Structure formats: C-alpha cells, structure tokens
Amino acid sequence: MAVQEKFQFLSDSLSLNLVNTEENRRGKRHDLLGTEQQVYSWLEHMFSEQVIHTEQFSHNDHVNLSQESVFALKELRGLLRKGFEDVIDGQLVDEHWIHSLEKYIHNAPFTFAIKENKLLPIPCGPYENALLSLIAYDALELLTHGKLATLHRCSNPKCLWMFMDATGKRKWCSMKICGNRMKAARHKDRSYDEET
C-alpha cells in the first residue's frame, strides 16, 4: 500500500508545485509522485488550492492516469527543474527548454473561458496531454511575465524546494519547515560551542 504523501503548498504556480514534489529525506532524494495514487493525491491538492480548476478539464469525461502518464509527468518535472535551476544560477533561458514546453502545449492547445474575472486556459485533448499542457503553459507564463527572475532555492542546503519572492528577503521555502529546522540547528550548534 502506497504511503499517503503530505504535499506542501509554496506557490500558486502549477509548474513550481510540480517541481517541488521531490524532497530530501535523510540525505536521499524522495519522490512524492511515485505511484498513480500519489499523483491523484497531488492533483486533488492542486484542485483544493485552486491552482487548477475542474473547468479546465471540461473536455475530459474522466481522469485517467496510467503508469506511462506518471512517467510523462516526471519527465516534464525534470525538464522544469533543469530550466528553473539554470535561471536561479544566472543562466539565460535555453531556447530548447522553451520549445520543449511549447511541444507539450501543441499536444493539447487551449480554448479560454472567463472565471472570476480571469482568463482561464482550457486545454483540448486527453487528460494526460491536458495536464501536461497546463503545466507547460504555467511555466511559460512565469517566463513571459518576468516571474522566473523572482525564483530562489531554499537556503537550507539539504532542501530541494524552490520558491518565488520578489522582495529578495525570504530565505526559506517555508518558515515552518526549513526556517525552524535551520534555526534549531544553529541554536544547537551555539549551545554546543558554549559548553565546550
């Protein structure tokens, strides 16, 4: 039986939330999307946080994800992580990265609808293609709106998560998670130094 993963919500970006489905556990990279059920749980979390909306899948009768779908999602996650890390490291966005994301959108192009005074992209195509298209679209929107410039790595060197912050003041993916851990570790180190 698969472990029920607890997903953190660090951004309203679908693509960044996907990248943040890997974490460091005891020094090893852990995949939060190891099974179809874990992917369904992540999707439920994205729906509950209103990062994606049921209207965006109105062309699909039902959700149908196979092991191949999970593999395709992870492949896109790897592509996104590489591009995001390159941006954080001060490199220019690779044209190949952009074209690769555009191919995902080509497989499920969009119509649009207005929801709560916002233009909602609605991909046309099978569920898997629609989901991948939405994620790719989100990443390209971050690029074209200049939001990738606000992308940062968590200051915890063991953390794999990224976040967006335009102020440049934020250091942690989450104060509750890494911020408190790092403060506790520093306190422990100070206490040890004082004792010795």
C-alpha atoms as a PDB file:
ATOM      1  CA  MET A   1       0.000   0.000   0.000  1.00  0.00           C
ATOM      2  CA  ALA A   2       1.386   3.409  -1.002  1.00  0.00           C
ATOM      3  CA  VAL A   3       2.192   5.979   1.651  1.00  0.00           C
ATOM      4  CA  GLN A   4      -0.158   8.971   1.664  1.00  0.00           C
ATOM      5  CA  GLU A   5       2.142  11.911   0.985  1.00  0.00           C
ATOM      6  CA  LYS A   6       1.607  15.304   2.556  1.00  0.00           C
ATOM      7  CA  PHE A   7       2.074  17.980  -0.076  1.00  0.00           C
ATOM      8  CA  GLN A   8       3.216  21.461   0.865  1.00  0.00           C
ATOM      9  CA  PHE A   9       1.767  24.489  -0.862  1.00  0.00           C
ATOM     10  CA  LEU A  10       4.518  27.016  -1.518  1.00  0.00           C
ATOM     11  CA  SER A  11       3.240  28.782  -4.627  1.00  0.00           C
ATOM     12  CA  ASP A  12       0.167  29.318  -6.777  1.00  0.00           C
ATOM     13  CA  SER A  13       2.271  28.203  -9.757  1.00  0.00           C
ATOM     14  CA  LEU A  14       1.330  24.762 -11.070  1.00  0.00           C
ATOM     15  CA  SER A  15       4.756  24.174 -12.624  1.00  0.00           C
ATOM     16  CA  LEU A  16       6.634  25.162  -9.471  1.00  0.00           C
ATOM     17  CA  ASN A  17       4.366  22.976  -7.354  1.00  0.00           C
ATOM     18  CA  LEU A  18       5.222  20.066  -9.644  1.00  0.00           C
ATOM     19  CA  VAL A  19       8.966  20.695  -9.287  1.00  0.00           C
ATOM     20  CA  ASN A  20       8.502  20.747  -5.509  1.00  0.00           C
ATOM     21  CA  THR A  21       7.189  17.156  -5.485  1.00  0.00           C
ATOM     22  CA  GLU A  22      10.691  15.915  -4.737  1.00  0.00           C
ATOM     23  CA  GLU A  23      12.235  16.341  -1.322  1.00  0.00           C
ATOM     24  CA  ASN A  24      15.261  15.336   0.681  1.00  0.00           C
ATOM     25  CA  ARG A  25      14.641  12.654   3.290  1.00  0.00           C
ATOM     26  CA  ARG A  26      17.600  11.522   5.374  1.00  0.00           C
ATOM     27  CA  GLY A  27      20.025  12.652   2.713  1.00  0.00           C
ATOM     28  CA  LYS A  28      18.249  10.957  -0.198  1.00  0.00           C
ATOM     29  CA  ARG A  29      16.022  12.378  -2.895  1.00  0.00           C
ATOM     30  CA  HIS A  30      12.442  11.221  -2.289  1.00  0.00           C
ATOM     31  CA  ASP A  31       9.767  11.286  -4.985  1.00  0.00           C
ATOM     32  CA  LEU A  32       6.318  12.326  -3.759  1.00  0.00           C
ATOM     33  CA  LEU A  33       4.797  11.146  -7.078  1.00  0.00           C
ATOM     34  CA  GLY A  34       5.949   7.543  -7.065  1.00  0.00           C
ATOM     35  CA  THR A  35       2.593   5.973  -7.900  1.00  0.00           C
ATOM     36  CA  GLU A  36      -0.610   6.805  -9.757  1.00  0.00           C
ATOM     37  CA  GLN A  37      -2.375   7.201  -6.403  1.00  0.00           C
ATOM     38  CA  GLN A  38       0.184   9.741  -5.218  1.00  0.00           C
ATOM     39  CA  VAL A  39      -0.274  11.691  -8.463  1.00  0.00           C
ATOM     40  CA  TYR A  40      -4.072  11.654  -7.916  1.00  0.00           C
ATOM     41  CA  SER A  41      -3.497  12.944  -4.353  1.00  0.00           C
ATOM     42  CA  TRP A  42      -1.241  15.725  -5.644  1.00  0.00           C
ATOM     43  CA  LEU A  43      -3.857  16.683  -8.242  1.00  0.00           C
ATOM     44  CA  GLU A  44      -6.564  16.764  -5.548  1.00  0.00           C
ATOM     45  CA  HIS A  45      -4.313  19.078  -3.560  1.00  0.00           C
ATOM     46  CA  MET A  46      -3.849  21.365  -6.603  1.00  0.00           C
ATOM     47  CA  PHE A  47      -7.633  21.450  -7.131  1.00  0.00           C
ATOM     48  CA  SER A  48      -8.251  22.187  -3.435  1.00  0.00           C
ATOM     49  CA  GLU A  49      -5.739  25.065  -3.534  1.00  0.00           C
ATOM     50  CA  GLN A  50      -7.396  26.303  -6.775  1.00  0.00           C
ATOM     51  CA  VAL A  51      -4.148  26.141  -8.718  1.00  0.00           C
ATOM     52  CA  ILE A  52      -6.150  24.191 -11.296  1.00  0.00           C
ATOM     53  CA  HIS A  53      -9.916  24.158 -11.790  1.00  0.00           C
ATOM     54  CA  THR A  54     -12.404  21.494 -12.835  1.00  0.00           C
ATOM     55  CA  GLU A  55     -13.488  23.722 -15.735  1.00  0.00           C
ATOM     56  CA  GLN A  56     -10.030  23.289 -17.241  1.00  0.00           C
ATOM     57  CA  PHE A  57     -10.760  19.618 -17.785  1.00  0.00           C
ATOM     58  CA  SER A  58     -14.309  20.008 -19.086  1.00  0.00           C
ATOM     59  CA  HIS A  59     -13.310  18.297 -22.363  1.00  0.00           C
ATOM     60  CA  ASN A  60     -12.454  15.127 -20.435  1.00  0.00           C
ATOM     61  CA  ASP A  61     -15.101  12.689 -19.264  1.00  0.00           C
ATOM     62  CA  HIS A  62     -12.894  11.221 -16.553  1.00  0.00           C
ATOM     63  CA  VAL A  63      -9.423  11.336 -15.065  1.00  0.00           C
ATOM     64  CA  ASN A  64      -7.340   8.539 -16.494  1.00  0.00           C
ATOM     65  CA  LEU A  65      -3.698   8.318 -15.487  1.00  0.00           C
ATOM     66  CA  SER A  66      -1.548   5.292 -16.255  1.00  0.00           C
ATOM     67  CA  GLN A  67       1.987   4.453 -15.177  1.00  0.00           C
ATOM     68  CA  GLU A  68       3.048   5.966 -18.518  1.00  0.00           C
ATOM     69  CA  SER A  69       1.233   9.174 -17.529  1.00  0.00           C
ATOM     70  CA  VAL A  70       3.161   9.255 -14.254  1.00  0.00           C
ATOM     71  CA  PHE A  71       6.414   8.790 -16.184  1.00  0.00           C
ATOM     72  CA  ALA A  72       5.483  11.617 -18.593  1.00  0.00           C
ATOM     73  CA  LEU A  73       4.684  13.907 -15.645  1.00  0.00           C
ATOM     74  CA  LYS A  74       8.056  13.149 -14.040  1.00  0.00           C
ATOM     75  CA  GLU A  75       9.812  13.733 -17.350  1.00  0.00           C
ATOM     76  CA  LEU A  76       8.220  17.192 -17.527  1.00  0.00           C
ATOM     77  CA  ARG A  77       9.169  17.789 -13.887  1.00  0.00           C
ATOM     78  CA  GLY A  78      12.816  17.030 -14.721  1.00  0.00           C
ATOM     79  CA  LEU A  79      12.726  19.444 -17.657  1.00  0.00           C
ATOM     80  CA  LEU A  80      11.203  22.173 -15.488  1.00  0.00           C
ATOM     81  CA  ARG A  81      13.675  21.630 -12.641  1.00  0.00           C
ATOM     82  CA  LYS A  82      16.633  21.946 -15.016  1.00  0.00           C
ATOM     83  CA  GLY A  83      15.262  25.178 -16.515  1.00  0.00           C
ATOM     84  CA  PHE A  84      14.374  26.675 -13.140  1.00  0.00           C
ATOM     85  CA  GLU A  85      17.782  25.802 -11.658  1.00  0.00           C
ATOM     86  CA  ASP A  86      19.531  27.351 -14.672  1.00  0.00           C
ATOM     87  CA  VAL A  87      17.596  30.592 -14.110  1.00  0.00           C
ATOM     88  CA  ILE A  88      18.462  30.614 -10.398  1.00  0.00           C
ATOM     89  CA  ASP A  89      22.126  30.062 -11.335  1.00  0.00           C
ATOM     90  CA  GLY A  90      22.015  33.188 -13.514  1.00  0.00           C
ATOM     91  CA  GLN A  91      21.953  31.472 -16.904  1.00  0.00           C
ATOM     92  CA  LEU A  92      19.831  32.628 -19.810  1.00  0.00           C
ATOM     93  CA  VAL A  93      16.709  30.588 -20.528  1.00  0.00           C
ATOM     94  CA  ASP A  94      17.576  27.889 -23.040  1.00  0.00           C
ATOM     95  CA  GLU A  95      15.638  28.089 -26.332  1.00  0.00           C
ATOM     96  CA  HIS A  96      15.429  24.282 -26.350  1.00  0.00           C
ATOM     97  CA  TRP A  97      13.691  24.437 -22.954  1.00  0.00           C
ATOM     98  CA  ILE A  98      11.112  26.871 -24.351  1.00  0.00           C
ATOM     99  CA  HIS A  99      10.499  24.770 -27.480  1.00  0.00           C
ATOM    100  CA  SER A 100      10.131  21.607 -25.383  1.00  0.00           C
ATOM    101  CA  LEU A 101       7.417  23.279 -23.294  1.00  0.00           C
ATOM    102  CA  GLU A 102       5.713  24.569 -26.442  1.00  0.00           C
ATOM    103  CA  LYS A 103       5.515  20.966 -27.724  1.00  0.00           C
ATOM    104  CA  TYR A 104       3.528  19.975 -24.645  1.00  0.00           C
ATOM    105  CA  ILE A 105       1.059  22.762 -25.405  1.00  0.00           C
ATOM    106  CA  HIS A 106       0.896  21.725 -29.066  1.00  0.00           C
ATOM    107  CA  ASN A 107      -0.426  18.308 -27.912  1.00  0.00           C
ATOM    108  CA  ALA A 108      -3.362  19.963 -26.107  1.00  0.00           C
ATOM    109  CA  PRO A 109      -3.900  23.529 -27.332  1.00  0.00           C
ATOM    110  CA  PHE A 110      -6.208  25.900 -25.492  1.00  0.00           C
ATOM    111  CA  THR A 111      -9.573  27.495 -25.648  1.00  0.00           C
ATOM    112  CA  PHE A 112     -10.312  30.094 -22.966  1.00  0.00           C
ATOM    113  CA  ALA A 113     -13.120  30.955 -20.564  1.00  0.00           C
ATOM    114  CA  ILE A 114     -13.625  33.740 -18.040  1.00  0.00           C
ATOM    115  CA  LYS A 115     -13.809  32.682 -14.410  1.00  0.00           C
ATOM    116  CA  GLU A 116     -13.914  35.235 -11.591  1.00  0.00           C
ATOM    117  CA  ASN A 117     -12.671  37.991 -13.940  1.00  0.00           C
ATOM    118  CA  LYS A 118      -9.666  35.899 -15.019  1.00  0.00           C
ATOM    119  CA  LEU A 119      -8.999  34.270 -18.354  1.00  0.00           C
ATOM    120  CA  LEU A 120      -8.834  30.536 -17.727  1.00  0.00           C
ATOM    121  CA  PRO A 121      -6.942  28.367 -20.248  1.00  0.00           C
ATOM    122  CA  ILE A 122      -8.811  25.152 -21.101  1.00  0.00           C
ATOM    123  CA  PRO A 123      -6.671  22.540 -22.851  1.00  0.00           C
ATOM    124  CA  CYS A 124      -8.284  20.396 -25.537  1.00  0.00           C
ATOM    125  CA  GLY A 125      -7.166  16.794 -25.566  1.00  0.00           C
ATOM    126  CA  PRO A 126      -6.915  13.656 -23.433  1.00  0.00           C
ATOM    127  CA  TYR A 127      -6.477  14.186 -19.702  1.00  0.00           C
ATOM    128  CA  GLU A 128      -2.744  13.425 -19.622  1.00  0.00           C
ATOM    129  CA  ASN A 129      -1.988  15.809 -22.505  1.00  0.00           C
ATOM    130  CA  ALA A 130      -4.279  18.459 -20.993  1.00  0.00           C
ATOM    131  CA  LEU A 131      -2.498  18.293 -17.636  1.00  0.00           C
ATOM    132  CA  LEU A 132       0.984  18.446 -19.182  1.00  0.00           C
ATOM    133  CA  SER A 133      -0.131  21.328 -21.412  1.00  0.00           C
ATOM    134  CA  LEU A 134      -1.414  23.326 -18.428  1.00  0.00           C
ATOM    135  CA  ILE A 135       1.837  22.795 -16.534  1.00  0.00           C
ATOM    136  CA  ALA A 136       3.962  23.828 -19.538  1.00  0.00           C
ATOM    137  CA  TYR A 137       1.729  26.874 -20.101  1.00  0.00           C
ATOM    138  CA  ASP A 138       2.173  27.896 -16.471  1.00  0.00           C
ATOM    139  CA  ALA A 139       5.983  27.708 -16.754  1.00  0.00           C
ATOM    140  CA  LEU A 140       5.990  29.770 -19.949  1.00  0.00           C
ATOM    141  CA  GLU A 141       3.723  32.326 -18.282  1.00  0.00           C
ATOM    142  CA  LEU A 142       6.235  32.637 -15.435  1.00  0.00           C
ATOM    143  CA  LEU A 143       8.908  33.272 -18.052  1.00  0.00           C
ATOM    144  CA  THR A 144       6.976  35.793 -20.149  1.00  0.00           C
ATOM    145  CA  HIS A 145       5.726  37.732 -17.110  1.00  0.00           C
ATOM    146  CA  GLY A 146       9.239  38.005 -15.651  1.00  0.00           C
ATOM    147  CA  LYS A 147       8.378  35.911 -12.599  1.00  0.00           C
ATOM    148  CA  LEU A 148      11.256  33.470 -13.092  1.00  0.00           C
ATOM    149  CA  ALA A 149      13.528  36.332 -12.027  1.00  0.00           C
ATOM    150  CA  THR A 150      11.996  36.019  -8.538  1.00  0.00           C
ATOM    151  CA  LEU A 151      12.792  32.296  -8.270  1.00  0.00           C
ATOM    152  CA  HIS A 152      15.050  31.183  -5.395  1.00  0.00           C
ATOM    153  CA  ARG A 153      16.367  27.999  -3.850  1.00  0.00           C
ATOM    154  CA  CYS A 154      15.671  27.352  -0.200  1.00  0.00           C
ATOM    155  CA  SER A 155      18.669  28.420   1.946  1.00  0.00           C
ATOM    156  CA  ASN A 156      18.642  25.019   3.628  1.00  0.00           C
ATOM    157  CA  PRO A 157      21.368  23.247   1.589  1.00  0.00           C
ATOM    158  CA  LYS A 158      19.583  19.919   2.074  1.00  0.00           C
ATOM    159  CA  CYS A 159      16.252  21.200   0.733  1.00  0.00           C
ATOM    160  CA  LEU A 160      15.300  20.673  -2.929  1.00  0.00           C
ATOM    161  CA  TRP A 161      12.397  23.120  -2.946  1.00  0.00           C
ATOM    162  CA  MET A 162      12.223  26.448  -4.759  1.00  0.00           C
ATOM    163  CA  PHE A 163      10.002  29.450  -4.210  1.00  0.00           C
ATOM    164  CA  MET A 164       9.265  32.845  -5.714  1.00  0.00           C
ATOM    165  CA  ASP A 165       9.943  36.045  -3.808  1.00  0.00           C
ATOM    166  CA  ALA A 166      10.146  39.477  -5.424  1.00  0.00           C
ATOM    167  CA  THR A 167      11.465  41.165  -2.255  1.00  0.00           C
ATOM    168  CA  GLY A 168      14.696  39.156  -2.084  1.00  0.00           C
ATOM    169  CA  LYS A 169      14.287  38.936   1.711  1.00  0.00           C
ATOM    170  CA  ARG A 170      12.840  35.452   2.007  1.00  0.00           C
ATOM    171  CA  LYS A 171      15.400  32.706   2.672  1.00  0.00           C
ATOM    172  CA  TRP A 172      13.400  29.564   3.250  1.00  0.00           C
ATOM    173  CA  CYS A 173      10.920  27.522   1.243  1.00  0.00           C
ATOM    174  CA  SER A 174       8.779  27.748   4.377  1.00  0.00           C
ATOM    175  CA  MET A 175       9.466  29.230   7.787  1.00  0.00           C
ATOM    176  CA  LYS A 176       7.505  26.367   9.347  1.00  0.00           C
ATOM    177  CA  ILE A 177       9.619  23.732   7.609  1.00  0.00           C
ATOM    178  CA  CYS A 178      13.204  24.727   6.828  1.00  0.00           C
ATOM    179  CA  GLY A 179      13.281  28.051   8.667  1.00  0.00           C
ATOM    180  CA  ASN A 180      12.534  26.462  12.029  1.00  0.00           C
ATOM    181  CA  ARG A 181      14.815  23.486  11.332  1.00  0.00           C
ATOM    182  CA  MET A 182      17.771  25.699  10.480  1.00  0.00           C
ATOM    183  CA  LYS A 183      17.158  27.979  13.478  1.00  0.00           C
ATOM    184  CA  ALA A 184      17.016  24.927  15.762  1.00  0.00           C
ATOM    185  CA  ALA A 185      20.239  23.560  14.240  1.00  0.00           C
ATOM    186  CA  ARG A 186      22.021  26.919  14.745  1.00  0.00           C
ATOM    187  CA  HIS A 187      20.772  27.075  18.343  1.00  0.00           C
ATOM    188  CA  LYS A 188      22.034  23.546  18.979  1.00  0.00           C
ATOM    189  CA  ASP A 189      25.442  24.427  17.480  1.00  0.00           C
ATOM    190  CA  ARG A 190      25.671  27.587  19.638  1.00  0.00           C
ATOM    191  CA  SER A 191      24.736  25.642  22.767  1.00  0.00           C
ATOM    192  CA  TYR A 192      27.377  23.016  21.989  1.00  0.00           C
ATOM    193  CA  ASP A 193      30.039  25.713  21.392  1.00  0.00           C
ATOM    194  CA  GLU A 194      29.202  27.341  24.724  1.00  0.00           C
ATOM    195  CA  GLU A 195      29.551  24.028  26.547  1.00  0.00           C
ATOM    196  CA  THR A 196      32.955  23.242  25.054  1.00  0.00           C
END
